[in-house]
Amino acid sequence: MTLALLLCVCATARAQNTDDDVVRVESNLVQLNVGVADRRGQAITNLSRDDFVIFEDGVQQKLVSFEPASAPFSLVLLLDVSGSTSSFRSTLKQAALRFIDALAPEDRVMVVAFNNRTEMLTRFTVDRRKIAEGIFRAEGRGTTELYKALRYALDQLANEGKRRKAIIVLTDGLDTQMRNGDRAAAANATSSEEAVAAIKPEANPTLNAVLDMADRQGATIYPLALPSGDPKRLPIITPQLTAIYASARVRLQRLADRTGGRQHEIERLEDLGRLYAEVAADLRTLYSVAYQPAGASARDGRWHAIRIEVKRQDLIARTRQGYFAR
């Protein structure tokens, strides 16, 4: 079975997951980060509130807030310091510094390192010296508790009020607890296809709990996927191992797609600094909007599709595709 087909099989779990992308909120305010580009892919950053039209389930909605692309962010820089990153820790730190250099002066940054535990290295601050000191303190070995770290990051972002929010996470995606669960689920499979069907990567409750938290805050997640987690680079290929690695990658892609971010595949470690800079540049092109859904959609348990349009026909907007309201 080819890797492309395997990833497609992983993606079919989305249609089977009835509790996916749940939004449980005290109010039914829906927050979106929105990117806009022309048909050549050039970002457009000079639009106003009146340029956007939002639809939920085909019904036009009224915007209740708008933040221009120049508005500052609160960002969590999440660094994987498990054993799988120990051999290139210096490269990782230098690349993260490039990311900080590319941010706007008013962006607030928290630095968090994770392996089998999660450690805050720098509280939210605009002080670039403190941020750099936090990055240089990122050390460790051990296992990878990625989704525990993501929940921690979202808990911290919840204290940042109405600011725009994002998480930039450098990882191979191979969460240790999920990996153990995937291995057990796929133990009896005789093919990669059977293994993926048994794992159902997008139905994982831990993944969906993180998506739920991100949806509440309108937080955007940008995974930087390390080559050590690439299923195409496995030295030993078995149905179980291939499915475990492919499932981890699918979940990273899901984090990005569901929150309106982008996953960046790191082909070479030398590209890491450039990719961090690309994420910083992408953040500078995002608008943030919010609307109060018309009608009785709050807490109705159904999927609500979101579509956002720009009045200029030559422009294309991208954001998350929708949510389950509970």
C-alpha atoms as a PDB file:
ATOM      1  CA  MET A   1       0.000   0.000   0.000  1.00  0.00           C
ATOM      2  CA  THR A   2       1.499   3.382  -0.978  1.00  0.00           C
ATOM      3  CA  LEU A   3       2.035   6.082   1.626  1.00  0.00           C
ATOM      4  CA  ALA A   4      -0.270   8.477  -0.251  1.00  0.00           C
ATOM      5  CA  LEU A   5      -3.079   5.932  -0.127  1.00  0.00           C
ATOM      6  CA  LEU A   6      -2.317   5.226   3.519  1.00  0.00           C
ATOM      7  CA  LEU A   7      -2.680   8.901   4.392  1.00  0.00           C
ATOM      8  CA  CYS A   8      -5.976   8.996   2.518  1.00  0.00           C
ATOM      9  CA  VAL A   9      -7.193   6.046   4.567  1.00  0.00           C
ATOM     10  CA  CYS A  10      -6.219   7.938   7.723  1.00  0.00           C
ATOM     11  CA  ALA A  11      -8.257  10.915   6.552  1.00  0.00           C
ATOM     12  CA  THR A  12     -11.440   8.873   6.198  1.00  0.00           C
ATOM     13  CA  ALA A  13     -11.676   8.655   9.968  1.00  0.00           C
ATOM     14  CA  ARG A  14     -12.904  12.249   9.973  1.00  0.00           C
ATOM     15  CA  ALA A  15     -16.223  11.253   8.484  1.00  0.00           C
ATOM     16  CA  GLN A  16     -16.666   8.555  11.150  1.00  0.00           C
ATOM     17  CA  ASN A  17     -15.982  10.797  14.150  1.00  0.00           C
ATOM     18  CA  THR A  18     -19.225  12.205  15.521  1.00  0.00           C
ATOM     19  CA  ASP A  19     -17.557  14.067  18.415  1.00  0.00           C
ATOM     20  CA  ASP A  20     -14.872  15.744  16.289  1.00  0.00           C
ATOM     21  CA  ASP A  21     -14.259  19.507  16.481  1.00  0.00           C
ATOM     22  CA  VAL A  22     -16.626  20.060  19.374  1.00  0.00           C
ATOM     23  CA  VAL A  23     -17.072  23.655  20.550  1.00  0.00           C
ATOM     24  CA  ARG A  24     -18.212  23.963  24.169  1.00  0.00           C
ATOM     25  CA  VAL A  25     -18.340  27.625  25.136  1.00  0.00           C
ATOM     26  CA  GLU A  26     -20.135  29.843  27.599  1.00  0.00           C
ATOM     27  CA  SER A  27     -21.318  32.003  24.707  1.00  0.00           C
ATOM     28  CA  ASN A  28     -21.653  31.071  21.073  1.00  0.00           C
ATOM     29  CA  LEU A  29     -19.145  33.610  19.774  1.00  0.00           C
ATOM     30  CA  VAL A  30     -17.148  32.072  16.903  1.00  0.00           C
ATOM     31  CA  GLN A  31     -13.616  33.437  16.441  1.00  0.00           C
ATOM     32  CA  LEU A  32     -11.609  33.005  13.244  1.00  0.00           C
ATOM     33  CA  ASN A  33      -8.116  33.831  12.028  1.00  0.00           C
ATOM     34  CA  VAL A  34      -8.348  34.495   8.296  1.00  0.00           C
ATOM     35  CA  GLY A  35      -5.672  34.610   5.606  1.00  0.00           C
ATOM     36  CA  VAL A  36      -6.304  36.404   2.300  1.00  0.00           C
ATOM     37  CA  ALA A  37      -4.267  36.116  -0.893  1.00  0.00           C
ATOM     38  CA  ASP A  38      -4.631  37.051  -4.539  1.00  0.00           C
ATOM     39  CA  ARG A  39      -4.676  34.398  -7.259  1.00  0.00           C
ATOM     40  CA  ARG A  40      -0.873  34.492  -7.467  1.00  0.00           C
ATOM     41  CA  GLY A  41      -0.627  33.585  -3.796  1.00  0.00           C
ATOM     42  CA  GLN A  42       0.472  37.030  -2.631  1.00  0.00           C
ATOM     43  CA  ALA A  43      -0.849  37.921   0.830  1.00  0.00           C
ATOM     44  CA  ILE A  44      -3.210  40.896   1.043  1.00  0.00           C
ATOM     45  CA  THR A  45      -2.958  42.748   4.356  1.00  0.00           C
ATOM     46  CA  ASN A  46      -4.750  46.086   3.793  1.00  0.00           C
ATOM     47  CA  LEU A  47      -8.397  45.002   3.941  1.00  0.00           C
ATOM     48  CA  SER A  48     -11.024  46.420   6.295  1.00  0.00           C
ATOM     49  CA  ARG A  49     -13.963  44.987   8.198  1.00  0.00           C
ATOM     50  CA  ASP A  50     -16.354  45.825   5.357  1.00  0.00           C
ATOM     51  CA  ASP A  51     -14.391  43.656   2.908  1.00  0.00           C
ATOM     52  CA  PHE A  52     -15.393  40.388   4.626  1.00  0.00           C
ATOM     53  CA  VAL A  53     -18.602  38.380   4.399  1.00  0.00           C
ATOM     54  CA  ILE A  54     -19.089  35.321   6.628  1.00  0.00           C
ATOM     55  CA  PHE A  55     -21.605  32.522   6.163  1.00  0.00           C
ATOM     56  CA  GLU A  56     -22.542  29.765   8.584  1.00  0.00           C
ATOM     57  CA  ASP A  57     -24.517  26.927   7.010  1.00  0.00           C
ATOM     58  CA  GLY A  58     -25.114  29.191   4.016  1.00  0.00           C
ATOM     59  CA  VAL A  59     -26.605  32.015   6.111  1.00  0.00           C
ATOM     60  CA  GLN A  60     -24.780  35.348   6.202  1.00  0.00           C
ATOM     61  CA  GLN A  61     -23.581  36.354   9.669  1.00  0.00           C
ATOM     62  CA  LYS A  62     -22.922  39.740  11.247  1.00  0.00           C
ATOM     63  CA  LEU A  63     -19.352  40.470  12.318  1.00  0.00           C
ATOM     64  CA  VAL A  64     -19.076  41.596  15.930  1.00  0.00           C
ATOM     65  CA  SER A  65     -15.318  42.162  15.985  1.00  0.00           C
ATOM     66  CA  PHE A  66     -12.466  42.672  13.523  1.00  0.00           C
ATOM     67  CA  GLU A  67      -8.695  42.801  14.007  1.00  0.00           C
ATOM     68  CA  PRO A  68      -6.450  43.893  11.117  1.00  0.00           C
ATOM     69  CA  ALA A  69      -3.449  41.850  10.032  1.00  0.00           C
ATOM     70  CA  SER A  70      -1.194  44.266  11.931  1.00  0.00           C
ATOM     71  CA  ALA A  71      -2.790  43.493  15.328  1.00  0.00           C
ATOM     72  CA  PRO A  72      -0.414  41.781  17.800  1.00  0.00           C
ATOM     73  CA  PHE A  73      -0.526  38.090  18.753  1.00  0.00           C
ATOM     74  CA  SER A  74      -0.004  36.116  21.912  1.00  0.00           C
ATOM     75  CA  LEU A  75       2.152  33.162  20.876  1.00  0.00           C
ATOM     76  CA  VAL A  76       3.334  29.975  22.520  1.00  0.00           C
ATOM     77  CA  LEU A  77       6.616  28.660  21.137  1.00  0.00           C
ATOM     78  CA  LEU A  78       6.423  24.940  21.939  1.00  0.00           C
ATOM     79  CA  LEU A  79       9.749  23.091  21.679  1.00  0.00           C
ATOM     80  CA  ASP A  80      10.129  19.307  21.660  1.00  0.00           C
ATOM     81  CA  VAL A  81      13.131  18.455  23.855  1.00  0.00           C
ATOM     82  CA  SER A  82      12.586  14.702  23.949  1.00  0.00           C
ATOM     83  CA  GLY A  83      15.398  12.312  23.098  1.00  0.00           C
ATOM     84  CA  SER A  84      14.583  12.432  19.380  1.00  0.00           C
ATOM     85  CA  THR A  85      15.742  16.087  19.140  1.00  0.00           C
ATOM     86  CA  SER A  86      18.923  15.864  21.246  1.00  0.00           C
ATOM     87  CA  SER A  87      21.286  15.500  18.284  1.00  0.00           C
ATOM     88  CA  PHE A  88      20.306  18.847  16.726  1.00  0.00           C
ATOM     89  CA  ARG A  89      19.345  20.923  19.768  1.00  0.00           C
ATOM     90  CA  SER A  90      21.707  23.755  18.806  1.00  0.00           C
ATOM     91  CA  THR A  91      20.155  24.011  15.329  1.00  0.00           C
ATOM     92  CA  LEU A  92      16.685  24.011  16.894  1.00  0.00           C
ATOM     93  CA  LYS A  93      17.546  26.933  19.179  1.00  0.00           C
ATOM     94  CA  GLN A  94      19.152  29.053  16.478  1.00  0.00           C
ATOM     95  CA  ALA A  95      16.116  28.518  14.235  1.00  0.00           C
ATOM     96  CA  ALA A  96      13.725  29.512  17.038  1.00  0.00           C
ATOM     97  CA  LEU A  97      15.698  32.731  17.496  1.00  0.00           C
ATOM     98  CA  ARG A  98      15.094  33.560  13.841  1.00  0.00           C
ATOM     99  CA  PHE A  99      11.390  33.185  14.476  1.00  0.00           C
ATOM    100  CA  ILE A 100      11.535  35.649  17.357  1.00  0.00           C
ATOM    101  CA  ASP A 101      13.470  38.160  15.245  1.00  0.00           C
ATOM    102  CA  ALA A 102      10.714  38.078  12.609  1.00  0.00           C
ATOM    103  CA  LEU A 103       7.858  38.898  14.987  1.00  0.00           C
ATOM    104  CA  ALA A 104       6.211  42.280  15.504  1.00  0.00           C
ATOM    105  CA  PRO A 105       7.390  44.318  18.521  1.00  0.00           C
ATOM    106  CA  GLU A 106       4.062  43.992  20.381  1.00  0.00           C
ATOM    107  CA  ASP A 107       3.720  40.215  19.961  1.00  0.00           C
ATOM    108  CA  ARG A 108       3.783  38.490  23.354  1.00  0.00           C
ATOM    109  CA  VAL A 109       5.668  35.177  23.440  1.00  0.00           C
ATOM    110  CA  MET A 110       5.779  32.320  25.921  1.00  0.00           C
ATOM    111  CA  VAL A 111       8.481  29.640  25.534  1.00  0.00           C
ATOM    112  CA  VAL A 112       7.545  26.111  26.624  1.00  0.00           C
ATOM    113  CA  ALA A 113       9.699  22.976  26.394  1.00  0.00           C
ATOM    114  CA  PHE A 114       8.246  19.494  26.584  1.00  0.00           C
ATOM    115  CA  ASN A 115       9.287  15.857  26.727  1.00  0.00           C
ATOM    116  CA  ASN A 116       7.591  13.587  29.269  1.00  0.00           C
ATOM    117  CA  ARG A 117       6.858  16.759  31.223  1.00  0.00           C
ATOM    118  CA  THR A 118       6.002  20.322  30.253  1.00  0.00           C
ATOM    119  CA  GLU A 119       8.104  23.257  31.441  1.00  0.00           C
ATOM    120  CA  MET A 120       7.453  26.980  31.012  1.00  0.00           C
ATOM    121  CA  LEU A 121      10.791  28.640  30.223  1.00  0.00           C
ATOM    122  CA  THR A 122       9.521  32.184  29.669  1.00  0.00           C
ATOM    123  CA  ARG A 123       6.183  33.722  30.617  1.00  0.00           C
ATOM    124  CA  PHE A 124       4.340  35.828  28.062  1.00  0.00           C
ATOM    125  CA  THR A 125       6.509  38.840  27.334  1.00  0.00           C
ATOM    126  CA  VAL A 126       7.559  41.251  24.585  1.00  0.00           C
ATOM    127  CA  ASP A 127      11.122  41.308  25.976  1.00  0.00           C
ATOM    128  CA  ARG A 128      13.208  39.619  23.267  1.00  0.00           C
ATOM    129  CA  ARG A 129      16.146  39.111  25.622  1.00  0.00           C
ATOM    130  CA  LYS A 130      13.993  37.096  28.057  1.00  0.00           C
ATOM    131  CA  ILE A 131      12.527  35.084  25.175  1.00  0.00           C
ATOM    132  CA  ALA A 132      16.005  34.241  23.861  1.00  0.00           C
ATOM    133  CA  GLU A 133      17.131  33.197  27.346  1.00  0.00           C
ATOM    134  CA  GLY A 134      14.152  30.859  27.546  1.00  0.00           C
ATOM    135  CA  ILE A 135      15.002  29.288  24.196  1.00  0.00           C
ATOM    136  CA  PHE A 136      18.606  28.679  25.260  1.00  0.00           C
ATOM    137  CA  ARG A 137      17.404  26.918  28.429  1.00  0.00           C
ATOM    138  CA  ALA A 138      15.443  24.358  26.386  1.00  0.00           C
ATOM    139  CA  GLU A 139      17.111  21.056  27.277  1.00  0.00           C
ATOM    140  CA  GLY A 140      15.998  17.524  28.036  1.00  0.00           C
ATOM    141  CA  ARG A 141      15.606  13.941  26.898  1.00  0.00           C
ATOM    142  CA  GLY A 142      13.013  11.271  27.500  1.00  0.00           C
ATOM    143  CA  THR A 143       9.640  10.552  25.933  1.00  0.00           C
ATOM    144  CA  THR A 144       7.186  12.848  24.117  1.00  0.00           C
ATOM    145  CA  GLU A 145       3.926  14.053  25.668  1.00  0.00           C
ATOM    146  CA  LEU A 146       2.921  16.336  22.796  1.00  0.00           C
ATOM    147  CA  TYR A 147      -0.799  16.626  23.439  1.00  0.00           C
ATOM    148  CA  LYS A 148      -0.335  17.251  27.142  1.00  0.00           C
ATOM    149  CA  ALA A 149       1.952  20.134  26.153  1.00  0.00           C
ATOM    150  CA  LEU A 150      -0.624  21.480  23.683  1.00  0.00           C
ATOM    151  CA  ARG A 151      -3.287  21.463  26.392  1.00  0.00           C
ATOM    152  CA  TYR A 152      -0.896  23.309  28.687  1.00  0.00           C
ATOM    153  CA  ALA A 153      -0.202  25.916  25.989  1.00  0.00           C
ATOM    154  CA  LEU A 154      -3.921  26.473  25.403  1.00  0.00           C
ATOM    155  CA  ASP A 155      -4.518  26.826  29.145  1.00  0.00           C
ATOM    156  CA  GLN A 156      -1.888  29.576  29.215  1.00  0.00           C
ATOM    157  CA  LEU A 157      -3.350  31.309  26.167  1.00  0.00           C
ATOM    158  CA  ALA A 158      -6.763  31.370  27.876  1.00  0.00           C
ATOM    159  CA  ASN A 159      -5.295  33.933  30.287  1.00  0.00           C
ATOM    160  CA  GLU A 160      -4.407  36.292  27.415  1.00  0.00           C
ATOM    161  CA  GLY A 161      -7.942  37.640  27.057  1.00  0.00           C
ATOM    162  CA  LYS A 162      -9.147  38.740  23.636  1.00  0.00           C
ATOM    163  CA  ARG A 163      -5.716  38.921  21.987  1.00  0.00           C
ATOM    164  CA  ARG A 164      -5.079  36.953  18.794  1.00  0.00           C
ATOM    165  CA  LYS A 165      -3.579  33.577  19.682  1.00  0.00           C
ATOM    166  CA  ALA A 166      -1.353  30.976  18.051  1.00  0.00           C
ATOM    167  CA  ILE A 167       0.855  28.011  18.916  1.00  0.00           C
ATOM    168  CA  ILE A 168       3.984  27.147  16.933  1.00  0.00           C
ATOM    169  CA  VAL A 169       5.011  23.596  17.813  1.00  0.00           C
ATOM    170  CA  LEU A 170       8.212  21.886  16.693  1.00  0.00           C
ATOM    171  CA  THR A 171       7.832  18.103  16.967  1.00  0.00           C
ATOM    172  CA  ASP A 172       7.942  14.775  15.150  1.00  0.00           C
ATOM    173  CA  GLY A 173       4.324  14.252  16.238  1.00  0.00           C
ATOM    174  CA  LEU A 174       4.970  10.884  17.885  1.00  0.00           C
ATOM    175  CA  ASP A 175       3.204  11.362  21.191  1.00  0.00           C
ATOM    176  CA  THR A 176       4.288   8.477  23.440  1.00  0.00           C
ATOM    177  CA  GLN A 177       0.889   7.692  24.948  1.00  0.00           C
ATOM    178  CA  MET A 178      -0.837   7.834  21.567  1.00  0.00           C
ATOM    179  CA  ARG A 179       1.903   5.714  20.031  1.00  0.00           C
ATOM    180  CA  ASN A 180       1.397   3.033  22.660  1.00  0.00           C
ATOM    181  CA  GLY A 181      -2.337   3.093  22.081  1.00  0.00           C
ATOM    182  CA  ASP A 182      -1.895   2.947  18.309  1.00  0.00           C
ATOM    183  CA  ARG A 183       0.457  -0.021  18.628  1.00  0.00           C
ATOM    184  CA  ALA A 184      -2.073  -1.919  20.728  1.00  0.00           C
ATOM    185  CA  ALA A 185      -4.942  -1.060  18.363  1.00  0.00           C
ATOM    186  CA  ALA A 186      -3.015  -2.242  15.288  1.00  0.00           C
ATOM    187  CA  ALA A 187      -1.397  -5.304  16.850  1.00  0.00           C
ATOM    188  CA  ASN A 188      -3.410  -7.865  14.891  1.00  0.00           C
ATOM    189  CA  ALA A 189      -3.379  -6.073  11.544  1.00  0.00           C
ATOM    190  CA  THR A 190      -1.764  -7.875   8.602  1.00  0.00           C
ATOM    191  CA  SER A 191      -1.536  -4.824   6.315  1.00  0.00           C
ATOM    192  CA  SER A 192      -0.993  -1.086   6.652  1.00  0.00           C
ATOM    193  CA  GLU A 193      -4.560  -0.468   5.559  1.00  0.00           C
ATOM    194  CA  GLU A 194      -5.920  -2.701   8.319  1.00  0.00           C
ATOM    195  CA  ALA A 195      -3.598  -1.069  10.845  1.00  0.00           C
ATOM    196  CA  VAL A 196      -4.796   2.455  10.013  1.00  0.00           C
ATOM    197  CA  ALA A 197      -8.434   1.341  10.066  1.00  0.00           C
ATOM    198  CA  ALA A 198      -7.852  -0.081  13.537  1.00  0.00           C
ATOM    199  CA  ILE A 199      -6.095   3.057  14.806  1.00  0.00           C
ATOM    200  CA  LYS A 200      -8.626   5.618  13.472  1.00  0.00           C
ATOM    201  CA  PRO A 201      -6.173   8.495  14.040  1.00  0.00           C
ATOM    202  CA  GLU A 202      -8.625  11.395  13.741  1.00  0.00           C
ATOM    203  CA  ALA A 203     -11.086   9.764  16.153  1.00  0.00           C
ATOM    204  CA  ASN A 204      -8.580   9.949  18.999  1.00  0.00           C
ATOM    205  CA  PRO A 205     -10.253  11.614  22.025  1.00  0.00           C
ATOM    206  CA  THR A 206      -7.027  13.292  23.164  1.00  0.00           C
ATOM    207  CA  LEU A 207      -6.597  14.968  19.770  1.00  0.00           C
ATOM    208  CA  ASN A 208     -10.214  16.102  19.756  1.00  0.00           C
ATOM    209  CA  ALA A 209      -9.966  17.505  23.281  1.00  0.00           C
ATOM    210  CA  VAL A 210      -7.121  19.744  22.057  1.00  0.00           C
ATOM    211  CA  LEU A 211      -9.148  20.785  19.001  1.00  0.00           C
ATOM    212  CA  ASP A 212     -12.056  21.594  21.297  1.00  0.00           C
ATOM    213  CA  MET A 213      -9.857  23.887  23.414  1.00  0.00           C
ATOM    214  CA  ALA A 214      -8.381  25.606  20.359  1.00  0.00           C
ATOM    215  CA  ASP A 215     -11.850  26.210  18.909  1.00  0.00           C
ATOM    216  CA  ARG A 216     -13.033  27.922  22.085  1.00  0.00           C
ATOM    217  CA  GLN A 217     -10.241  30.478  21.839  1.00  0.00           C
ATOM    218  CA  GLY A 218      -9.921  30.816  18.086  1.00  0.00           C
ATOM    219  CA  ALA A 219      -6.270  29.763  18.459  1.00  0.00           C
ATOM    220  CA  THR A 220      -4.305  28.800  15.341  1.00  0.00           C
ATOM    221  CA  ILE A 221      -1.765  25.941  15.476  1.00  0.00           C
ATOM    222  CA  TYR A 222       1.292  25.700  13.237  1.00  0.00           C
ATOM    223  CA  PRO A 223       3.075  22.324  13.448  1.00  0.00           C
ATOM    224  CA  LEU A 224       6.685  22.170  12.241  1.00  0.00           C
ATOM    225  CA  ALA A 225       7.020  18.442  11.507  1.00  0.00           C
ATOM    226  CA  LEU A 226      10.509  17.045  12.065  1.00  0.00           C
ATOM    227  CA  PRO A 227      11.917  14.506   9.572  1.00  0.00           C
ATOM    228  CA  SER A 228      12.381  11.925  12.349  1.00  0.00           C
ATOM    229  CA  GLY A 229       8.614  11.379  12.284  1.00  0.00           C
ATOM    230  CA  ASP A 230       8.288  11.071   8.510  1.00  0.00           C
ATOM    231  CA  PRO A 231       6.767   7.665   7.621  1.00  0.00           C
ATOM    232  CA  LYS A 232       8.601   7.756   4.275  1.00  0.00           C
ATOM    233  CA  ARG A 233      11.952   7.584   6.132  1.00  0.00           C
ATOM    234  CA  LEU A 234      11.336   4.501   8.245  1.00  0.00           C
ATOM    235  CA  PRO A 235      14.371   2.149   8.153  1.00  0.00           C
ATOM    236  CA  ILE A 236      12.152  -0.844   8.972  1.00  0.00           C
ATOM    237  CA  ILE A 237       8.699  -1.138   7.460  1.00  0.00           C
ATOM    238  CA  THR A 238       5.936  -3.126   9.107  1.00  0.00           C
ATOM    239  CA  PRO A 239       2.176  -2.540   8.828  1.00  0.00           C
ATOM    240  CA  GLN A 240       2.016  -1.431  12.463  1.00  0.00           C
ATOM    241  CA  LEU A 241       5.016   0.916  12.390  1.00  0.00           C
ATOM    242  CA  THR A 242       4.010   2.520   9.093  1.00  0.00           C
ATOM    243  CA  ALA A 243       0.486   3.122  10.385  1.00  0.00           C
ATOM    244  CA  ILE A 244       1.740   4.574  13.688  1.00  0.00           C
ATOM    245  CA  TYR A 245       3.957   7.119  11.931  1.00  0.00           C
ATOM    246  CA  ALA A 246       1.357   7.944   9.272  1.00  0.00           C
ATOM    247  CA  SER A 247      -1.300   8.420  11.961  1.00  0.00           C
ATOM    248  CA  ALA A 248       0.938  10.828  13.874  1.00  0.00           C
ATOM    249  CA  ARG A 249       1.449  12.899  10.714  1.00  0.00           C
ATOM    250  CA  VAL A 250      -2.266  12.925   9.940  1.00  0.00           C
ATOM    251  CA  ARG A 251      -2.990  14.228  13.426  1.00  0.00           C
ATOM    252  CA  LEU A 252      -0.478  17.068  12.993  1.00  0.00           C
ATOM    253  CA  GLN A 253      -2.138  17.968   9.701  1.00  0.00           C
ATOM    254  CA  ARG A 254      -5.502  17.860  11.437  1.00  0.00           C
ATOM    255  CA  LEU A 255      -4.299  20.317  14.087  1.00  0.00           C
ATOM    256  CA  ALA A 256      -3.301  22.755  11.356  1.00  0.00           C
ATOM    257  CA  ASP A 257      -6.336  22.316   9.101  1.00  0.00           C
ATOM    258  CA  ARG A 258      -8.874  22.452  11.878  1.00  0.00           C
ATOM    259  CA  THR A 259      -7.486  25.652  13.430  1.00  0.00           C
ATOM    260  CA  GLY A 260      -6.703  27.509  10.201  1.00  0.00           C
ATOM    261  CA  GLY A 261      -2.926  27.041  10.451  1.00  0.00           C
ATOM    262  CA  ARG A 262      -0.441  25.301   8.202  1.00  0.00           C
ATOM    263  CA  GLN A 263       1.757  22.278   8.727  1.00  0.00           C
ATOM    264  CA  HIS A 264       5.331  22.679   7.518  1.00  0.00           C
ATOM    265  CA  GLU A 265       7.202  19.495   6.649  1.00  0.00           C
ATOM    266  CA  ILE A 266      10.903  19.816   7.480  1.00  0.00           C
ATOM    267  CA  GLU A 267      12.803  17.956   4.772  1.00  0.00           C
ATOM    268  CA  ARG A 268      16.237  19.052   5.994  1.00  0.00           C
ATOM    269  CA  LEU A 269      17.237  20.463   9.366  1.00  0.00           C
ATOM    270  CA  GLU A 270      19.005  23.270   7.515  1.00  0.00           C
ATOM    271  CA  ASP A 271      15.548  24.490   6.442  1.00  0.00           C
ATOM    272  CA  LEU A 272      14.288  24.905   9.986  1.00  0.00           C
ATOM    273  CA  GLY A 273      15.211  28.578  10.350  1.00  0.00           C
ATOM    274  CA  ARG A 274      13.592  29.450   7.033  1.00  0.00           C
ATOM    275  CA  LEU A 275      10.386  27.614   7.962  1.00  0.00           C
ATOM    276  CA  TYR A 276      10.169  29.396  11.310  1.00  0.00           C
ATOM    277  CA  ALA A 277      10.519  32.687   9.436  1.00  0.00           C
ATOM    278  CA  GLU A 278       7.748  31.641   7.037  1.00  0.00           C
ATOM    279  CA  VAL A 279       5.407  30.985   9.948  1.00  0.00           C
ATOM    280  CA  ALA A 280       6.193  34.412  11.402  1.00  0.00           C
ATOM    281  CA  ALA A 281       5.483  35.982   8.015  1.00  0.00           C
ATOM    282  CA  ASP A 282       2.210  34.064   7.705  1.00  0.00           C
ATOM    283  CA  LEU A 283       1.050  35.310  11.109  1.00  0.00           C
ATOM    284  CA  ARG A 284       1.563  38.852   9.899  1.00  0.00           C
ATOM    285  CA  THR A 285      -0.973  38.251   7.105  1.00  0.00           C
ATOM    286  CA  LEU A 286      -3.858  36.996   9.267  1.00  0.00           C
ATOM    287  CA  TYR A 287      -6.970  38.991  10.076  1.00  0.00           C
ATOM    288  CA  SER A 288      -9.079  38.027  13.094  1.00  0.00           C
ATOM    289  CA  VAL A 289     -12.864  38.203  13.005  1.00  0.00           C
ATOM    290  CA  ALA A 290     -15.686  37.007  15.244  1.00  0.00           C
ATOM    291  CA  TYR A 291     -19.410  36.588  14.842  1.00  0.00           C
ATOM    292  CA  GLN A 292     -22.422  35.576  16.929  1.00  0.00           C
ATOM    293  CA  PRO A 293     -24.279  32.841  15.001  1.00  0.00           C
ATOM    294  CA  ALA A 294     -27.792  33.819  14.006  1.00  0.00           C
ATOM    295  CA  GLY A 295     -30.527  31.371  14.931  1.00  0.00           C
ATOM    296  CA  ALA A 296     -30.379  28.448  17.338  1.00  0.00           C
ATOM    297  CA  SER A 297     -26.996  26.943  16.463  1.00  0.00           C
ATOM    298  CA  ALA A 298     -25.444  27.371  19.935  1.00  0.00           C
ATOM    299  CA  ARG A 299     -25.051  24.010  21.728  1.00  0.00           C
ATOM    300  CA  ASP A 300     -27.215  22.144  19.223  1.00  0.00           C
ATOM    301  CA  GLY A 301     -24.584  19.424  18.756  1.00  0.00           C
ATOM    302  CA  ARG A 302     -24.542  19.711  14.959  1.00  0.00           C
ATOM    303  CA  TRP A 303     -21.776  20.466  12.493  1.00  0.00           C
ATOM    304  CA  HIS A 304     -21.850  24.085  11.267  1.00  0.00           C
ATOM    305  CA  ALA A 305     -19.973  24.856   8.062  1.00  0.00           C
ATOM    306  CA  ILE A 306     -18.149  28.183   7.842  1.00  0.00           C
ATOM    307  CA  ARG A 307     -17.441  30.020   4.612  1.00  0.00           C
ATOM    308  CA  ILE A 308     -15.733  33.378   4.427  1.00  0.00           C
ATOM    309  CA  GLU A 309     -15.623  35.522   1.314  1.00  0.00           C
ATOM    310  CA  VAL A 310     -13.903  38.732   0.334  1.00  0.00           C
ATOM    311  CA  LYS A 311     -15.882  41.257  -1.685  1.00  0.00           C
ATOM    312  CA  ARG A 312     -13.046  41.630  -4.171  1.00  0.00           C
ATOM    313  CA  GLN A 313     -13.504  38.713  -6.561  1.00  0.00           C
ATOM    314  CA  ASP A 314      -9.789  38.418  -7.300  1.00  0.00           C
ATOM    315  CA  LEU A 315      -8.997  37.499  -3.671  1.00  0.00           C
ATOM    316  CA  ILE A 316      -9.233  34.163  -1.866  1.00  0.00           C
ATOM    317  CA  ALA A 317      -9.800  33.800   1.891  1.00  0.00           C
ATOM    318  CA  ARG A 318      -8.885  30.772   4.016  1.00  0.00           C
ATOM    319  CA  THR A 319      -9.938  29.867   7.551  1.00  0.00           C
ATOM    320  CA  ARG A 320     -11.199  26.833   9.447  1.00  0.00           C
ATOM    321  CA  GLN A 321     -14.024  24.936   7.787  1.00  0.00           C
ATOM    322  CA  GLY A 322     -16.514  24.795  10.649  1.00  0.00           C
ATOM    323  CA  TYR A 323     -17.220  23.369  14.077  1.00  0.00           C
ATOM    324  CA  PHE A 324     -19.492  21.134  16.146  1.00  0.00           C
ATOM    325  CA  ALA A 325     -21.434  23.261  18.689  1.00  0.00           C
ATOM    326  CA  ARG A 326     -22.009  21.646  22.077  1.00  0.00           C
END
